[in-house]
């Protein structure tokens, strides 16, 4: 059974990642379908810490945002790096 994410710093970094993603992608809240998807990824990450599948889905989501030019390449690379760092310190 998968367990919730552990550690105050890891949880804070995870929440900050998703908050920053929403702020970068939809600061004016013009994409009504974006926030529910990001919140679903946040919930999955916080409540099922070991799900590698969720990590891969988020990577694909970020790539989709870059391909559709919602995120520029630099923003996408930065978020991917942060995703990798978060995953390395506690999402497994």
Protein backbone atom coordinates (compact mmCIF):
# COMPACT_ATOMS: atom_id res chain seq x y z
CA UNK A 1 0.00 0.00 0.00
CA UNK A 2 1.28 3.43 -0.88
CA UNK A 3 1.88 5.90 1.92
CA UNK A 4 1.57 9.67 2.14
CA UNK A 5 4.60 11.81 1.48
CA UNK A 6 6.71 12.23 4.62
CA UNK A 7 8.77 15.11 5.96
CA UNK A 8 7.83 18.73 6.42
CA UNK A 9 10.49 20.02 4.00
CA UNK A 10 9.56 17.49 1.31
CA UNK A 11 5.85 18.30 1.61
CA UNK A 12 6.58 22.04 1.50
CA UNK A 13 8.79 21.66 -1.59
CA UNK A 14 6.13 19.57 -3.28
CA UNK A 15 3.39 22.10 -2.59
CA UNK A 16 5.67 24.93 -3.73
CA UNK A 17 6.36 23.09 -6.99
CA UNK A 18 2.64 22.82 -7.79
CA UNK A 19 1.93 26.40 -6.66
CA UNK A 20 4.73 27.69 -8.89
CA UNK A 21 3.51 25.58 -11.80
CA UNK A 22 0.03 27.14 -11.55
CA UNK A 23 1.48 30.63 -11.18
CA UNK A 24 3.74 30.25 -14.22
CA UNK A 25 1.20 28.61 -16.47
CA UNK A 26 -2.00 30.38 -15.54
CA UNK A 27 -1.39 33.40 -13.32
CA UNK A 28 -4.60 35.07 -14.55
CA UNK A 29 -6.65 31.87 -14.21
CA UNK A 30 -7.63 31.89 -17.87
CA UNK A 31 -7.25 28.11 -18.29
CA UNK A 32 -10.14 26.64 -16.26
CA UNK A 33 -9.14 23.02 -16.89
CA UNK A 34 -5.55 23.49 -15.77
CA UNK A 35 -5.93 23.91 -12.01
CA UNK A 36 -8.05 20.75 -11.47
CA UNK A 37 -5.43 18.69 -13.30
CA UNK A 38 -2.56 20.20 -11.33
CA UNK A 39 -4.48 19.68 -8.08
CA UNK A 40 -5.07 16.03 -9.02
CA UNK A 41 -1.31 15.60 -9.53
CA UNK A 42 -0.65 17.38 -6.21
CA UNK A 43 -3.08 15.11 -4.35
CA UNK A 44 -1.64 11.98 -5.95
CA UNK A 45 1.91 13.05 -5.10
CA UNK A 46 1.10 13.94 -1.50
CA UNK A 47 -1.00 10.85 -0.78
CA UNK A 48 0.74 8.15 -2.84
CA UNK A 49 4.41 9.04 -2.51
CA UNK A 50 5.79 5.98 -4.25
CA UNK A 51 3.90 6.25 -7.52
CA UNK A 52 6.49 6.47 -10.27
CA UNK A 53 3.64 6.54 -12.75
CA UNK A 54 2.47 9.90 -11.38
CA UNK A 55 6.00 11.27 -11.76
CA UNK A 56 6.02 10.19 -15.41
CA UNK A 57 2.57 11.69 -15.99
CA UNK A 58 3.74 15.03 -14.59
CA UNK A 59 6.79 14.91 -16.88
CA UNK A 60 4.48 14.37 -19.85
CA UNK A 61 2.21 17.17 -18.65
CA UNK A 62 5.17 19.57 -18.50
CA UNK A 63 6.28 18.49 -21.99
CA UNK A 64 2.76 19.15 -23.28
CA UNK A 65 2.85 22.64 -21.77
CA UNK A 66 6.16 23.30 -23.56
CA UNK A 67 5.00 21.89 -26.89
CA UNK A 68 1.86 24.02 -26.76
CA UNK A 69 4.08 27.02 -25.90
CA UNK A 70 2.28 27.72 -22.63
CA UNK A 71 5.67 27.28 -20.97
CA UNK A 72 8.80 28.40 -22.75
CA UNK A 73 11.71 25.97 -23.00
CA UNK A 74 13.61 27.55 -20.10
CA UNK A 75 10.59 27.45 -17.78
CA UNK A 76 9.90 23.86 -18.79
CA UNK A 77 13.49 22.78 -18.18
CA UNK A 78 13.51 24.54 -14.81
CA UNK A 79 10.28 22.83 -13.71
CA UNK A 80 11.53 19.47 -14.98
CA UNK A 81 14.71 19.91 -12.96
CA UNK A 82 12.70 20.77 -9.86
CA UNK A 83 10.47 17.77 -10.48
CA UNK A 84 13.54 15.54 -10.70
CA UNK A 85 14.97 17.04 -7.52
CA UNK A 86 11.72 16.60 -5.61
CA UNK A 87 11.35 13.06 -6.84
CA UNK A 88 14.93 12.27 -5.84
CA UNK A 89 14.46 13.47 -2.25
CA UNK A 90 11.16 11.95 -1.38
CA UNK A 91 8.68 11.08 -4.08
CA UNK A 92 9.93 7.49 -4.28
